[in-house]
C-alpha atoms as a PDB file:
ATOM      1  CA  MET A   1      -8.573 -26.028  15.298  1.00  0.00           C
ATOM      2  CA  ALA A   2     -12.018 -24.829  16.639  1.00  0.00           C
ATOM      3  CA  ARG A   3     -14.641 -24.244  13.915  1.00  0.00           C
ATOM      4  CA  THR A   4     -15.033 -20.607  14.974  1.00  0.00           C
ATOM      5  CA  ASP A   5     -11.322 -19.969  14.790  1.00  0.00           C
ATOM      6  CA  ARG A   6     -11.154 -21.818  11.431  1.00  0.00           C
ATOM      7  CA  LEU A   7     -14.023 -19.542   9.879  1.00  0.00           C
ATOM      8  CA  MET A   8     -12.317 -16.257  11.357  1.00  0.00           C
ATOM      9  CA  ARG A   9      -9.009 -17.214   9.794  1.00  0.00           C
ATOM     10  CA  LEU A  10     -10.685 -17.761   6.284  1.00  0.00           C
ATOM     11  CA  MET A  11     -12.288 -14.352   6.558  1.00  0.00           C
ATOM     12  CA  ASP A  12      -9.063 -12.821   7.327  1.00  0.00           C
ATOM     13  CA  ALA A  13      -7.369 -14.530   4.530  1.00  0.00           C
ATOM     14  CA  LEU A  14     -10.155 -13.386   2.054  1.00  0.00           C
ATOM     15  CA  ARG A  15      -9.785  -9.691   3.328  1.00  0.00           C
ATOM     16  CA  ARG A  16      -6.023  -9.772   3.275  1.00  0.00           C
ATOM     17  CA  LEU A  17      -4.953 -11.536   0.214  1.00  0.00           C
ATOM     18  CA  PRO A  18      -5.074 -10.063  -3.319  1.00  0.00           C
ATOM     19  CA  ALA A  19      -8.418 -11.065  -5.005  1.00  0.00           C
ATOM     20  CA  PRO A  20      -9.328 -13.311  -6.640  1.00  0.00           C
ATOM     21  CA  VAL A  21      -7.708 -15.912  -4.209  1.00  0.00           C
ATOM     22  CA  THR A  22      -7.573 -19.732  -5.379  1.00  0.00           C
ATOM     23  CA  ALA A  23      -8.997 -22.433  -3.195  1.00  0.00           C
ATOM     24  CA  ALA A  24      -5.532 -23.961  -3.016  1.00  0.00           C
ATOM     25  CA  ARG A  25      -4.128 -20.764  -1.533  1.00  0.00           C
ATOM     26  CA  LEU A  26      -6.935 -20.272   0.927  1.00  0.00           C
ATOM     27  CA  ALA A  27      -6.691 -24.069   2.001  1.00  0.00           C
ATOM     28  CA  THR A  28      -3.137 -23.549   2.745  1.00  0.00           C
ATOM     29  CA  GLU A  29      -3.540 -20.282   4.637  1.00  0.00           C
ATOM     30  CA  THR A  30      -6.114 -21.799   6.875  1.00  0.00           C
ATOM     31  CA  GLY A  31      -4.569 -25.264   7.233  1.00  0.00           C
ATOM     32  CA  VAL A  32      -7.426 -27.229   6.088  1.00  0.00           C
ATOM     33  CA  SER A  33      -8.168 -29.693   2.992  1.00  0.00           C
ATOM     34  CA  PRO A  34      -9.607 -28.356  -0.114  1.00  0.00           C
ATOM     35  CA  ARG A  35     -12.963 -30.281   0.710  1.00  0.00           C
ATOM     36  CA  GLN A  36     -13.183 -28.724   4.149  1.00  0.00           C
ATOM     37  CA  LEU A  37     -12.621 -25.283   2.529  1.00  0.00           C
ATOM     38  CA  TYR A  38     -15.428 -25.641   0.237  1.00  0.00           C
ATOM     39  CA  ARG A  39     -17.615 -26.474   3.303  1.00  0.00           C
ATOM     40  CA  ASP A  40     -16.175 -23.391   5.329  1.00  0.00           C
ATOM     41  CA  ILE A  41     -16.875 -21.149   2.144  1.00  0.00           C
ATOM     42  CA  ALA A  42     -20.633 -22.575   2.094  1.00  0.00           C
ATOM     43  CA  THR A  43     -20.921 -21.874   5.923  1.00  0.00           C
ATOM     44  CA  LEU A  44     -19.778 -18.160   5.653  1.00  0.00           C
ATOM     45  CA  ARG A  45     -22.247 -17.680   2.592  1.00  0.00           C
ATOM     46  CA  ALA A  46     -24.989 -19.170   4.686  1.00  0.00           C
ATOM     47  CA  GLY A  47     -23.974 -16.619   7.433  1.00  0.00           C
ATOM     48  CA  GLY A  48     -24.269 -13.754   5.018  1.00  0.00           C
ATOM     49  CA  ALA A  49     -20.791 -13.218   3.763  1.00  0.00           C
ATOM     50  CA  LEU A  50     -20.769 -12.103   0.096  1.00  0.00           C
ATOM     51  CA  ILE A  51     -18.286 -14.214  -1.581  1.00  0.00           C
ATOM     52  CA  ASP A  52     -18.089 -14.573  -5.288  1.00  0.00           C
ATOM     53  CA  GLY A  53     -16.437 -17.633  -6.835  1.00  0.00           C
ATOM     54  CA  GLU A  54     -15.539 -18.671 -10.278  1.00  0.00           C
ATOM     55  CA  ALA A  55     -14.059 -22.243 -11.089  1.00  0.00           C
ATOM     56  CA  GLY A  56     -10.376 -21.954 -12.100  1.00  0.00           C
ATOM     57  CA  VAL A  57     -10.104 -18.144 -11.050  1.00  0.00           C
ATOM     58  CA  GLY A  58     -10.722 -18.035  -7.333  1.00  0.00           C
ATOM     59  CA  TYR A  59     -12.827 -16.319  -4.483  1.00  0.00           C
ATOM     60  CA  ARG A  60     -13.364 -12.719  -3.924  1.00  0.00           C
ATOM     61  CA  LEU A  61     -14.952 -11.121  -0.675  1.00  0.00           C
ATOM     62  CA  THR A  62     -17.297  -8.165  -1.082  1.00  0.00           C
ATOM     63  CA  GLU A  63     -17.526  -6.420   2.388  1.00  0.00           C
ATOM     64  CA  ASP A  64     -20.884  -5.936   3.945  1.00  0.00           C
ATOM     65  CA  PRO A  65     -21.530  -3.688   6.751  1.00  0.00           C
ATOM     66  CA  ALA A  66     -23.817  -6.446   8.445  1.00  0.00           C
ATOM     67  CA  LEU A  67     -20.632  -8.593   8.876  1.00  0.00           C
ATOM     68  CA  PRO A  68     -18.700  -8.464  12.131  1.00  0.00           C
ATOM     69  CA  PRO A  69     -15.767  -5.928  11.921  1.00  0.00           C
ATOM     70  CA  GLN A  70     -12.205  -7.012  11.618  1.00  0.00           C
ATOM     71  CA  SER A  71     -10.338  -8.132  14.719  1.00  0.00           C
ATOM     72  CA  PHE A  72      -6.741  -7.258  15.511  1.00  0.00           C
ATOM     73  CA  SER A  73      -4.437  -8.896  18.006  1.00  0.00           C
ATOM     74  CA  GLN A  74      -2.784  -6.323  20.561  1.00  0.00           C
ATOM     75  CA  LEU A  75       0.616  -6.701  18.724  1.00  0.00           C
ATOM     76  CA  GLU A  76      -0.940  -5.958  15.400  1.00  0.00           C
ATOM     77  CA  ILE A  77      -2.888  -2.791  16.752  1.00  0.00           C
ATOM     78  CA  GLU A  78       0.523  -1.527  18.197  1.00  0.00           C
ATOM     79  CA  ALA A  79       2.130  -2.076  14.782  1.00  0.00           C
ATOM     80  CA  LEU A  80      -0.667  -0.129  13.001  1.00  0.00           C
ATOM     81  CA  VAL A  81      -0.331   2.860  15.519  1.00  0.00           C
ATOM     82  CA  LEU A  82       3.430   2.707  15.342  1.00  0.00           C
ATOM     83  CA  ALA A  83       3.551   2.881  11.531  1.00  0.00           C
ATOM     84  CA  VAL A  84       1.126   5.713  11.293  1.00  0.00           C
ATOM     85  CA  GLY A  85       2.859   7.676  13.854  1.00  0.00           C
ATOM     86  CA  ASP A  86       6.009   7.323  11.959  1.00  0.00           C
ATOM     87  CA  LEU A  87       4.528   8.945   8.868  1.00  0.00           C
ATOM     88  CA  SER A  88       5.493  12.218  10.781  1.00  0.00           C
ATOM     89  CA  HIS A  89       9.171  11.422   9.741  1.00  0.00           C
ATOM     90  CA  THR A  90       8.212  11.700   6.082  1.00  0.00           C
ATOM     91  CA  GLY A  91       7.838  15.505   5.982  1.00  0.00           C
ATOM     92  CA  ASP A  92       4.672  14.843   3.933  1.00  0.00           C
ATOM     93  CA  ALA A  93       2.002  16.427   5.822  1.00  0.00           C
ATOM     94  CA  THR A  94      -0.912  15.282   3.385  1.00  0.00           C
ATOM     95  CA  LEU A  95       0.425  11.639   3.755  1.00  0.00           C
ATOM     96  CA  GLU A  96       0.528  11.827   7.387  1.00  0.00           C
ATOM     97  CA  ALA A  97      -3.032  13.233   7.665  1.00  0.00           C
ATOM     98  CA  ALA A  98      -4.291  10.331   5.396  1.00  0.00           C
ATOM     99  CA  GLY A  99      -2.626   7.760   7.768  1.00  0.00           C
ATOM    100  CA  ARG A 100      -4.267   9.216  10.814  1.00  0.00           C
ATOM    101  CA  SER A 101      -7.791   9.357   9.022  1.00  0.00           C
ATOM    102  CA  ALA A 102      -7.273   5.767   7.977  1.00  0.00           C
ATOM    103  CA  LEU A 103      -6.301   4.587  11.529  1.00  0.00           C
ATOM    104  CA  ALA A 104      -9.315   6.491  13.140  1.00  0.00           C
ATOM    105  CA  ARG A 105     -11.647   4.849  10.794  1.00  0.00           C
ATOM    106  CA  ILE A 106     -10.059   1.349  11.599  1.00  0.00           C
ATOM    107  CA  ILE A 107     -10.152   2.185  15.481  1.00  0.00           C
ATOM    108  CA  ALA A 108     -13.906   2.986  15.084  1.00  0.00           C
ATOM    109  CA  THR A 109     -14.767  -0.373  14.095  1.00  0.00           C
ATOM    110  CA  LEU A 110     -12.731  -2.325  16.791  1.00  0.00           C
ATOM    111  CA  ALA A 111     -14.475  -3.622  20.066  1.00  0.00           C
ATOM    112  CA  ASP A 112     -14.225  -1.634  23.141  1.00  0.00           C
ATOM    113  CA  ARG A 113     -11.294  -3.560  24.380  1.00  0.00           C
ATOM    114  CA  GLN A 114      -9.257  -3.350  21.278  1.00  0.00           C
ATOM    115  CA  SER A 115     -10.180   0.479  21.193  1.00  0.00           C
ATOM    116  CA  ARG A 116      -8.818   0.964  24.606  1.00  0.00           C
ATOM    117  CA  GLN A 117      -5.530  -0.951  23.509  1.00  0.00           C
ATOM    118  CA  ALA A 118      -5.189   1.400  20.470  1.00  0.00           C
ATOM    119  CA  MET A 119      -5.474   4.385  22.755  1.00  0.00           C
ATOM    120  CA  HIS A 120      -2.695   3.123  25.150  1.00  0.00           C
ATOM    121  CA  THR A 121      -0.105   1.583  22.891  1.00  0.00           C
ATOM    122  CA  VAL A 122       3.461   1.275  24.330  1.00  0.00           C
ATOM    123  CA  LEU A 123       5.511   1.143  21.215  1.00  0.00           C
ATOM    124  CA  ARG A 124       7.126   4.465  20.183  1.00  0.00           C
ATOM    125  CA  SER A 125       9.643   5.480  17.389  1.00  0.00           C
ATOM    126  CA  PHE A 126      11.823   8.307  18.284  1.00  0.00           C
ATOM    127  CA  ARG A 127      14.031   9.844  15.579  1.00  0.00           C
ATOM    128  CA  ALA A 128      15.365  13.158  14.590  1.00  0.00           C
ATOM    129  CA  PRO A 129      12.875  15.294  12.633  1.00  0.00           C
ATOM    130  CA  PRO A 130      13.453  15.200   8.897  1.00  0.00           C
ATOM    131  CA  ALA A 131      15.371  17.697   7.049  1.00  0.00           C
ATOM    132  CA  GLU A 132      13.138  20.556   5.733  1.00  0.00           C
ATOM    133  CA  PHE A 133      13.150  20.861   2.051  1.00  0.00           C
ATOM    134  CA  LYS A 134      11.091  23.040  -0.426  1.00  0.00           C
ATOM    135  CA  LEU A 135       9.069  21.413  -2.984  1.00  0.00           C
ATOM    136  CA  ASP A 136       7.933  22.929  -6.111  1.00  0.00           C
ATOM    137  CA  VAL A 137       6.387  19.892  -7.479  1.00  0.00           C
ATOM    138  CA  ASP A 138       2.786  18.708  -6.535  1.00  0.00           C
ATOM    139  CA  MET A 139       3.099  15.533  -4.661  1.00  0.00           C
ATOM    140  CA  ALA A 140      -0.549  14.762  -5.363  1.00  0.00           C
ATOM    141  CA  LEU A 141       0.258  14.828  -8.886  1.00  0.00           C
ATOM    142  CA  LEU A 142       3.083  12.567  -8.545  1.00  0.00           C
ATOM    143  CA  ARG A 143       1.311   9.944  -6.421  1.00  0.00           C
ATOM    144  CA  ARG A 144      -1.571   9.995  -9.079  1.00  0.00           C
ATOM    145  CA  ALA A 145       0.966   9.534 -11.952  1.00  0.00           C
ATOM    146  CA  CYS A 146       2.392   6.551 -10.004  1.00  0.00           C
ATOM    147  CA  TRP A 147      -0.830   5.034  -9.378  1.00  0.00           C
ATOM    148  CA  GLU A 148      -2.391   5.434 -12.664  1.00  0.00           C
ATOM    149  CA  GLU A 149       0.870   4.851 -14.749  1.00  0.00           C
ATOM    150  CA  LEU A 150       0.607   8.231 -16.483  1.00  0.00           C
ATOM    151  CA  ALA A 151       3.640   9.676 -18.108  1.00  0.00           C
ATOM    152  CA  LEU A 152       5.133  13.180 -17.030  1.00  0.00           C
ATOM    153  CA  ASN A 153       7.090  15.798 -18.782  1.00  0.00           C
ATOM    154  CA  VAL A 154       9.458  17.269 -15.903  1.00  0.00           C
ATOM    155  CA  ARG A 155      12.113  20.025 -15.722  1.00  0.00           C
ATOM    156  CA  TYR A 156      14.889  18.644 -13.506  1.00  0.00           C
ATOM    157  CA  ARG A 157      17.940  20.477 -12.042  1.00  0.00           C
ATOM    158  CA  ASP A 158      20.618  17.935 -11.280  1.00  0.00           C
ATOM    159  CA  LEU A 159      23.536  18.446  -8.561  1.00  0.00           C
ATOM    160  CA  LYS A 160      25.690  20.286 -11.074  1.00  0.00           C
ATOM    161  CA  ASP A 161      22.651  22.815 -11.680  1.00  0.00           C
ATOM    162  CA  CYS A 162      22.235  21.484 -15.146  1.00  0.00           C
ATOM    163  CA  VAL A 163      18.711  21.548 -16.183  1.00  0.00           C
ATOM    164  CA  THR A 164      17.108  19.122 -18.552  1.00  0.00           C
ATOM    165  CA  GLU A 165      13.422  18.486 -19.671  1.00  0.00           C
ATOM    166  CA  ARG A 166      12.354  15.033 -20.185  1.00  0.00           C
ATOM    167  CA  GLU A 167       9.510  12.583 -20.207  1.00  0.00           C
ATOM    168  CA  VAL A 168       9.539  10.176 -17.500  1.00  0.00           C
ATOM    169  CA  TRP A 169       7.540   7.208 -16.187  1.00  0.00           C
ATOM    170  CA  PRO A 170       7.137   7.576 -12.305  1.00  0.00           C
ATOM    171  CA  LEU A 171       7.365   4.117 -10.660  1.00  0.00           C
ATOM    172  CA  GLY A 172       7.500   4.953  -6.948  1.00  0.00           C
ATOM    173  CA  ILE A 173       8.227   7.425  -4.204  1.00  0.00           C
ATOM    174  CA  SER A 174      10.902   6.826  -1.396  1.00  0.00           C
ATOM    175  CA  TYR A 175      10.866   8.792   1.896  1.00  0.00           C
ATOM    176  CA  SER A 176      13.985   9.215   4.172  1.00  0.00           C
ATOM    177  CA  ASP A 177      15.121  11.733   6.809  1.00  0.00           C
ATOM    178  CA  ARG A 178      17.110  13.895   4.319  1.00  0.00           C
ATOM    179  CA  ALA A 179      15.293  13.550   0.862  1.00  0.00           C
ATOM    180  CA  LEU A 180      12.173  12.497  -1.015  1.00  0.00           C
ATOM    181  CA  ILE A 181      13.136  10.395  -3.817  1.00  0.00           C
ATOM    182  CA  VAL A 182      11.136   9.574  -6.995  1.00  0.00           C
ATOM    183  CA  LEU A 183      12.164   6.547  -9.003  1.00  0.00           C
ATOM    184  CA  VAL A 184      11.270   6.927 -12.540  1.00  0.00           C
ATOM    185  CA  TRP A 185      12.114   5.265 -16.046  1.00  0.00           C
ATOM    186  CA  CYS A 186      13.668   8.033 -18.078  1.00  0.00           C
ATOM    187  CA  CYS A 187      12.483   7.994 -21.820  1.00  0.00           C
ATOM    188  CA  MET A 188      15.494  10.094 -22.763  1.00  0.00           C
ATOM    189  CA  ARG A 189      18.202   7.803 -21.239  1.00  0.00           C
ATOM    190  CA  LYS A 190      16.206   4.537 -21.558  1.00  0.00           C
ATOM    191  CA  ASP A 191      17.162   3.638 -17.935  1.00  0.00           C
ATOM    192  CA  TRP A 192      16.009   4.120 -14.270  1.00  0.00           C
ATOM    193  CA  ARG A 193      16.819   7.372 -12.521  1.00  0.00           C
ATOM    194  CA  LEU A 194      16.404   8.515  -8.914  1.00  0.00           C
ATOM    195  CA  PHE A 195      15.231  11.990  -8.848  1.00  0.00           C
ATOM    196  CA  ASN A 196      15.392  14.189  -5.656  1.00  0.00           C
ATOM    197  CA  ALA A 197      11.781  15.664  -5.649  1.00  0.00           C
ATOM    198  CA  SER A 198      12.971  18.910  -4.288  1.00  0.00           C
ATOM    199  CA  ARG A 199      14.993  19.333  -7.701  1.00  0.00           C
ATOM    200  CA  ILE A 200      11.867  18.878  -9.893  1.00  0.00           C
ATOM    201  CA  GLU A 201      10.999  22.220 -10.953  1.00  0.00           C
ATOM    202  CA  GLN A 202       8.212  21.522 -13.009  1.00  0.00           C
ATOM    203  CA  ALA A 203       5.999  18.399 -13.734  1.00  0.00           C
ATOM    204  CA  SER A 204       2.881  17.933 -15.871  1.00  0.00           C
ATOM    205  CA  LEU A 205       0.880  15.112 -17.309  1.00  0.00           C
ATOM    206  CA  ASN A 206       1.569  14.689 -21.074  1.00  0.00           C
ATOM    207  CA  GLY A 207      -1.382  12.527 -21.794  1.00  0.00           C
ATOM    208  CA  ARG A 208       0.467   9.370 -22.451  1.00  0.00           C
ATOM    209  CA  SER A 209       0.057   6.113 -20.403  1.00  0.00           C
ATOM    210  CA  PHE A 210       2.719   3.552 -19.784  1.00  0.00           C
ATOM    211  CA  ARG A 211       0.370   0.795 -18.442  1.00  0.00           C
ATOM    212  CA  PRO A 212       1.065  -1.987 -17.889  1.00  0.00           C
ATOM    213  CA  ARG A 213       4.775  -1.456 -17.668  1.00  0.00           C
ATOM    214  CA  ARG A 214       5.172  -0.221 -13.936  1.00  0.00           C
ATOM    215  CA  VAL A 215       5.066  -3.518 -12.255  1.00  0.00           C
ATOM    216  CA  PRO A 216       7.496  -5.097 -14.647  1.00  0.00           C
ATOM    217  CA  LEU A 217       9.856  -2.349 -14.419  1.00  0.00           C
ATOM    218  CA  LEU A 218       9.812  -2.200 -10.597  1.00  0.00           C
ATOM    219  CA  ARG A 219      10.458  -5.919 -10.653  1.00  0.00           C
ATOM    220  CA  ASP A 220      13.388  -5.529 -12.818  1.00  0.00           C
ATOM    221  CA  TYR A 221      14.760  -2.537 -10.786  1.00  0.00           C
ATOM    222  CA  ALA A 222      14.455  -4.569  -7.700  1.00  0.00           C
ATOM    223  CA  SER A 223      16.340  -7.573  -9.214  1.00  0.00           C
ATOM    224  CA  LEU A 224      19.338  -5.347 -10.350  1.00  0.00           C
ATOM    225  CA  GLN A 225      19.620  -3.968  -6.675  1.00  0.00           C
ATOM    226  CA  ARG A 226      19.958  -7.583  -5.166  1.00  0.00           C
ATOM    227  CA  ARG A 227      22.877  -8.380  -7.526  1.00  0.00           C
END
């Protein structure tokens, strides 16, 4: 592999993989020996890359505006544009706007040739528009509660029109053409529940945190779905 290609692959791995990244993982990703990896890290540092490293922990890249922008293949550009365009099918205008804003910033950093490719993509997704549903719950609040692992008090109306109030731990949000579903851990039932967001009549933070339970609960839920 050419030296330039090898260094670009290493930069891509440092940007893409969750930090800190071990030397063994980076060596595998770039297809080089650990000794060559250490030399490549030194070369990138000499060229201005801000790479922190700690023995037994791994490496972490700090992006610097002086570094060359990220580069994408034509198919990667098509995939990004297609994915952001598909956000219109979620029915969540705020999420769609965030995706378009992020895509615009990415395109702005690309070389001229790649920017033109982004403006003339050929892949499209055609689906029926999502069903319209009224939401009383604040989606920004739900997203924040998921991200920050904050417990919620909710009032929920089920399919039988029975209303209950309970504490839940919001774990994730799923979009489909017909519904917006919130996966929660229900503290009252001591079990996972799938809440239709349109049936959440009220939600508020109660000041309690369930950190760091979110990831283990999601992992256990996914395991149950595979059985």
